[in-house]
């Protein structure tokens, strides 16, 4: 009985924490999209491994 109660509490805590993390990540992505839409997208450069390449002349 006591073990089941502890497991139920742990499951509830894990689900709440997981939901909170998911919300923070989705909110960060939403804020990034709103910022890009408001300020306009920056000039895009060819990428290599997700990083901007330096253009040398």
PDB file of N, CA and C in Angstrom:
ATOM      1  N   UNK A   1       0.827  -1.191   0.000  1.00  0.00           N
ATOM      2  CA  UNK A   1       0.000   0.000   0.000  1.00  0.00           C
ATOM      3  C   UNK A   1       0.872   1.256   0.000  1.00  0.00           C
ATOM      4  N   UNK A   2       1.844   1.293   0.885  1.00  0.00           N
ATOM      5  CA  UNK A   2       2.715   2.466   0.983  1.00  0.00           C
ATOM      6  C   UNK A   2       3.585   2.588  -0.262  1.00  0.00           C
ATOM      7  N   UNK A   3       4.060   1.462  -0.790  1.00  0.00           N
ATOM      8  CA  UNK A   3       4.897   1.472  -1.986  1.00  0.00           C
ATOM      9  C   UNK A   3       4.113   2.000  -3.183  1.00  0.00           C
ATOM     10  N   UNK A   4       2.863   1.568  -3.320  1.00  0.00           N
ATOM     11  CA  UNK A   4       2.029   2.046  -4.427  1.00  0.00           C
ATOM     12  C   UNK A   4       1.797   3.555  -4.329  1.00  0.00           C
ATOM     13  N   UNK A   5       1.621   4.050  -3.134  1.00  0.00           N
ATOM     14  CA  UNK A   5       1.419   5.480  -2.939  1.00  0.00           C
ATOM     15  C   UNK A   5       2.668   6.265  -3.343  1.00  0.00           C
ATOM     16  N   UNK A   6       3.825   5.771  -2.930  1.00  0.00           N
ATOM     17  CA  UNK A   6       5.086   6.431  -3.282  1.00  0.00           C
ATOM     18  C   UNK A   6       5.284   6.411  -4.794  1.00  0.00           C
ATOM     19  N   UNK A   7       5.006   5.271  -5.443  1.00  0.00           N
ATOM     20  CA  UNK A   7       5.150   5.186  -6.901  1.00  0.00           C
ATOM     21  C   UNK A   7       4.170   6.120  -7.615  1.00  0.00           C
ATOM     22  N   UNK A   8       2.967   6.228  -7.105  1.00  0.00           N
ATOM     23  CA  UNK A   8       1.983   7.130  -7.709  1.00  0.00           C
ATOM     24  C   UNK A   8       2.419   8.584  -7.579  1.00  0.00           C
ATOM     25  N   UNK A   9       2.961   8.939  -6.431  1.00  0.00           N
ATOM     26  CA  UNK A   9       3.457  10.303  -6.231  1.00  0.00           C
ATOM     27  C   UNK A   9       4.635  10.589  -7.161  1.00  0.00           C
ATOM     28  N   UNK A  10       5.553   9.636  -7.275  1.00  0.00           N
ATOM     29  CA  UNK A  10       6.699   9.814  -8.175  1.00  0.00           C
ATOM     30  C   UNK A  10       6.237   9.959  -9.624  1.00  0.00           C
ATOM     31  N   UNK A  11       5.273   9.140 -10.035  1.00  0.00           N
ATOM     32  CA  UNK A  11       4.763   9.238 -11.401  1.00  0.00           C
ATOM     33  C   UNK A  11       4.126  10.603 -11.644  1.00  0.00           C
ATOM     34  N   UNK A  12       3.391  11.105 -10.666  1.00  0.00           N
ATOM     35  CA  UNK A  12       2.762  12.421 -10.811  1.00  0.00           C
ATOM     36  C   UNK A  12       3.818  13.517 -10.911  1.00  0.00           C
ATOM     37  N   UNK A  13       4.842  13.440 -10.091  1.00  0.00           N
ATOM     38  CA  UNK A  13       5.914  14.448 -10.119  1.00  0.00           C
ATOM     39  C   UNK A  13       6.636  14.418 -11.455  1.00  0.00           C
ATOM     40  N   UNK A  14       6.951  13.219 -11.937  1.00  0.00           N
ATOM     41  CA  UNK A  14       7.664  13.090 -13.220  1.00  0.00           C
ATOM     42  C   UNK A  14       6.807  13.644 -14.358  1.00  0.00           C
ATOM     43  N   UNK A  15       5.511  13.372 -14.335  1.00  0.00           N
ATOM     44  CA  UNK A  15       4.651  13.877 -15.412  1.00  0.00           C
ATOM     45  C   UNK A  15       4.544  15.398 -15.370  1.00  0.00           C
ATOM     46  N   UNK A  16       4.473  15.974 -14.184  1.00  0.00           N
ATOM     47  CA  UNK A  16       4.395  17.438 -14.065  1.00  0.00           C
ATOM     48  C   UNK A  16       5.695  18.076 -14.539  1.00  0.00           C
ATOM     49  N   UNK A  17       6.820  17.509 -14.135  1.00  0.00           N
ATOM     50  CA  UNK A  17       8.118  18.054 -14.561  1.00  0.00           C
ATOM     51  C   UNK A  17       8.284  17.926 -16.074  1.00  0.00           C
ATOM     52  N   UNK A  18       7.907  16.780 -16.621  1.00  0.00           N
ATOM     53  CA  UNK A  18       7.999  16.584 -18.072  1.00  0.00           C
ATOM     54  C   UNK A  18       7.138  17.567 -18.831  1.00  0.00           C
ATOM     55  N   UNK A  19       5.934  17.809 -18.345  1.00  0.00           N
ATOM     56  CA  UNK A  19       5.047  18.779 -18.983  1.00  0.00           C
ATOM     57  C   UNK A  19       5.631  20.183 -18.902  1.00  0.00           C
ATOM     58  N   UNK A  20       6.217  20.525 -17.767  1.00  0.00           N
ATOM     59  CA  UNK A  20       6.834  21.842 -17.614  1.00  0.00           C
ATOM     60  C   UNK A  20       7.991  22.039 -18.569  1.00  0.00           C
ATOM     61  N   UNK A  21       8.822  21.027 -18.711  1.00  0.00           N
ATOM     62  CA  UNK A  21       9.960  21.114 -19.635  1.00  0.00           C
ATOM     63  C   UNK A  21       9.467  21.260 -21.066  1.00  0.00           C
ATOM     64  N   UNK A  22       8.449  20.470 -21.431  1.00  0.00           N
ATOM     65  CA  UNK A  22       7.894  20.563 -22.777  1.00  0.00           C
ATOM     66  C   UNK A  22       7.341  21.963 -23.033  1.00  0.00           C
ATOM     67  N   UNK A  23       6.648  22.530 -22.052  1.00  0.00           N
ATOM     68  CA  UNK A  23       6.086  23.870 -22.210  1.00  0.00           C
ATOM     69  C   UNK A  23       7.180  24.910 -22.394  1.00  0.00           C
ATOM     70  N   UNK A  24       8.245  24.817 -21.606  1.00  0.00           N
ATOM     71  CA  UNK A  24       9.334  25.788 -21.729  1.00  0.00           C
ATOM     72  C   UNK A  24      10.001  25.705 -23.091  1.00  0.00           C
ATOM     73  N   UNK A  25      10.221  24.494 -23.576  1.00  0.00           N
ATOM     74  CA  UNK A  25      10.856  24.334 -24.885  1.00  0.00           C
ATOM     75  C   UNK A  25       9.962  24.892 -25.987  1.00  0.00           C
ATOM     76  N   UNK A  26       8.662  24.567 -25.939  1.00  0.00           N
ATOM     77  CA  UNK A  26       7.763  25.058 -26.978  1.00  0.00           C
ATOM     78  C   UNK A  26       7.617  26.579 -26.913  1.00  0.00           C
ATOM     79  N   UNK A  27       7.619  27.135 -25.712  1.00  0.00           N
ATOM     80  CA  UNK A  27       7.514  28.587 -25.575  1.00  0.00           C
ATOM     81  C   UNK A  27       8.777  29.268 -26.116  1.00  0.00           C
ATOM     82  N   UNK A  28       9.925  28.676 -25.894  1.00  0.00           N
ATOM     83  CA  UNK A  28      11.171  29.240 -26.419  1.00  0.00           C
ATOM     84  C   UNK A  28      11.159  29.246 -27.939  1.00  0.00           C
ATOM     85  N   UNK A  29      10.677  28.147 -28.542  1.00  0.00           N
ATOM     86  CA  UNK A  29      10.593  28.088 -30.001  1.00  0.00           C
ATOM     87  C   UNK A  29       9.592  29.123 -30.532  1.00  0.00           C
ATOM     88  N   UNK A  30       8.473  29.265 -29.845  1.00  0.00           N
ATOM     89  CA  UNK A  30       7.472  30.252 -30.255  1.00  0.00           C
ATOM     90  C   UNK A  30       8.012  31.664 -30.173  1.00  0.00           C
ATOM     91  N   UNK A  31       8.753  31.950 -29.115  1.00  0.00           N
ATOM     92  CA  UNK A  31       9.342  33.283 -28.960  1.00  0.00           C
ATOM     93  C   UNK A  31      10.359  33.544 -30.074  1.00  0.00           C
ATOM     94  N   UNK A  32      11.110  32.531 -30.427  1.00  0.00           N
ATOM     95  CA  UNK A  32      12.092  32.682 -31.504  1.00  0.00           C
ATOM     96  C   UNK A  32      11.391  32.998 -32.821  1.00  0.00           C
ATOM     97  N   UNK A  33      10.296  32.292 -33.103  1.00  0.00           N
ATOM     98  CA  UNK A  33       9.553  32.551 -34.336  1.00  0.00           C
ATOM     99  C   UNK A  33       8.944  33.945 -34.338  1.00  0.00           C
ATOM    100  N   UNK A  34       8.380  34.361 -33.203  1.00  0.00           N
ATOM    101  CA  UNK A  34       7.797  35.710 -33.132  1.00  0.00           C
ATOM    102  C   UNK A  34       8.868  36.780 -33.304  1.00  0.00           C
ATOM    103  N   UNK A  35      10.048  36.560 -32.719  1.00  0.00           N
ATOM    104  CA  UNK A  35      11.139  37.530 -32.841  1.00  0.00           C
ATOM    105  C   UNK A  35      11.594  37.635 -34.291  1.00  0.00           C
ATOM    106  N   UNK A  36      11.722  36.488 -34.981  1.00  0.00           N
ATOM    107  CA  UNK A  36      12.136  36.520 -36.378  1.00  0.00           C
ATOM    108  C   UNK A  36      11.084  37.203 -37.246  1.00  0.00           C
ATOM    109  N   UNK A  37       9.809  36.970 -36.940  1.00  0.00           N
ATOM    110  CA  UNK A  37       8.746  37.591 -37.715  1.00  0.00           C
ATOM    111  C   UNK A  37       8.718  39.094 -37.479  1.00  0.00           C
ATOM    112  N   UNK A  38       8.945  39.533 -36.252  1.00  0.00           N
ATOM    113  CA  UNK A  38       8.890  40.959 -35.921  1.00  0.00           C
ATOM    114  C   UNK A  38      10.074  41.712 -36.515  1.00  0.00           C
ATOM    115  N   UNK A  39      11.287  41.180 -36.308  1.00  0.00           N
ATOM    116  CA  UNK A  39      12.487  41.871 -36.771  1.00  0.00           C
ATOM    117  C   UNK A  39      12.840  41.531 -38.209  1.00  0.00           C
ATOM    118  N   UNK A  40      12.171  40.566 -38.783  1.00  0.00           N
ATOM    119  CA  UNK A  40      12.509  40.123 -40.133  1.00  0.00           C
ATOM    120  C   UNK A  40      13.619  39.100 -40.063  1.00  0.00           C
ATOM    121  N   UNK A  41      13.576  38.165 -40.968  1.00  0.00           N
ATOM    122  CA  UNK A  41      14.598  37.123 -40.927  1.00  0.00           C
ATOM    123  C   UNK A  41      15.925  37.722 -41.362  1.00  0.00           C
ATOM    124  N   UNK A  42      16.973  37.271 -40.714  1.00  0.00           N
ATOM    125  CA  UNK A  42      18.298  37.769 -41.050  1.00  0.00           C
ATOM    126  C   UNK A  42      18.756  37.143 -42.356  1.00  0.00           C
ATOM    127  N   UNK A  43      19.741  37.748 -42.961  1.00  0.00           N
ATOM    128  CA  UNK A  43      20.266  37.225 -44.208  1.00  0.00           C
ATOM    129  C   UNK A  43      20.805  35.821 -43.962  1.00  0.00           C
ATOM    130  N   UNK A  44      20.425  34.916 -44.838  1.00  0.00           N
ATOM    131  CA  UNK A  44      20.841  33.538 -44.635  1.00  0.00           C
ATOM    132  C   UNK A  44      22.144  33.269 -45.382  1.00  0.00           C
ATOM    133  N   UNK A  45      23.011  32.556 -44.743  1.00  0.00           N
ATOM    134  CA  UNK A  45      24.281  32.175 -45.309  1.00  0.00           C
ATOM    135  C   UNK A  45      24.294  30.665 -45.502  1.00  0.00           C
ATOM    136  N   UNK A  46      25.120  30.183 -46.415  1.00  0.00           N
ATOM    137  CA  UNK A  46      25.253  28.730 -46.529  1.00  0.00           C
ATOM    138  C   UNK A  46      25.758  28.174 -45.197  1.00  0.00           C
ATOM    139  N   UNK A  47      25.259  27.045 -44.812  1.00  0.00           N
ATOM    140  CA  UNK A  47      25.644  26.503 -43.520  1.00  0.00           C
ATOM    141  C   UNK A  47      26.461  25.234 -43.664  1.00  0.00           C
ATOM    142  N   UNK A  48      27.261  24.990 -42.661  1.00  0.00           N
ATOM    143  CA  UNK A  48      28.041  23.763 -42.581  1.00  0.00           C
ATOM    144  C   UNK A  48      27.910  23.271 -41.149  1.00  0.00           C
ATOM    145  N   UNK A  49      27.172  22.210 -40.944  1.00  0.00           N
ATOM    146  CA  UNK A  49      27.004  21.675 -39.605  1.00  0.00           C
ATOM    147  C   UNK A  49      26.180  22.581 -38.714  1.00  0.00           C
ATOM    148  N   UNK A  50      25.299  23.384 -39.305  1.00  0.00           N
ATOM    149  CA  UNK A  50      24.425  24.229 -38.516  1.00  0.00           C
ATOM    150  C   UNK A  50      25.042  25.553 -38.104  1.00  0.00           C
ATOM    151  N   UNK A  51      26.266  25.815 -38.507  1.00  0.00           N
ATOM    152  CA  UNK A  51      26.916  27.076 -38.147  1.00  0.00           C
ATOM    153  C   UNK A  51      27.081  27.933 -39.393  1.00  0.00           C
ATOM    154  N   UNK A  52      27.040  29.248 -39.194  1.00  0.00           N
ATOM    155  CA  UNK A  52      27.230  30.142 -40.333  1.00  0.00           C
ATOM    156  C   UNK A  52      28.653  30.046 -40.829  1.00  0.00           C
ATOM    157  N   UNK A  53      28.780  29.995 -42.156  1.00  0.00           N
ATOM    158  CA  UNK A  53      30.124  29.950 -42.748  1.00  0.00           C
ATOM    159  C   UNK A  53      30.638  31.372 -42.861  1.00  0.00           C
ATOM    160  N   UNK A  54      31.918  31.551 -42.652  1.00  0.00           N
ATOM    161  CA  UNK A  54      32.535  32.860 -42.818  1.00  0.00           C
ATOM    162  C   UNK A  54      32.807  33.080 -44.304  1.00  0.00           C
ATOM    163  N   UNK A  55      32.381  34.227 -44.782  1.00  0.00           N
ATOM    164  CA  UNK A  55      32.613  34.542 -46.197  1.00  0.00           C
ATOM    165  C   UNK A  55      33.910  35.323 -46.284  1.00  0.00           C
ATOM    166  N   UNK A  56      34.846  34.766 -47.024  1.00  0.00           N
ATOM    167  CA  UNK A  56      36.148  35.412 -47.185  1.00  0.00           C
ATOM    168  C   UNK A  56      36.310  35.875 -48.618  1.00  0.00           C
ATOM    169  N   UNK A  57      36.847  37.079 -48.784  1.00  0.00           N
ATOM    170  CA  UNK A  57      37.060  37.642 -50.125  1.00  0.00           C
ATOM    171  C   UNK A  57      38.519  37.670 -50.428  1.00  0.00           C
TER     172      UNK A  57
END
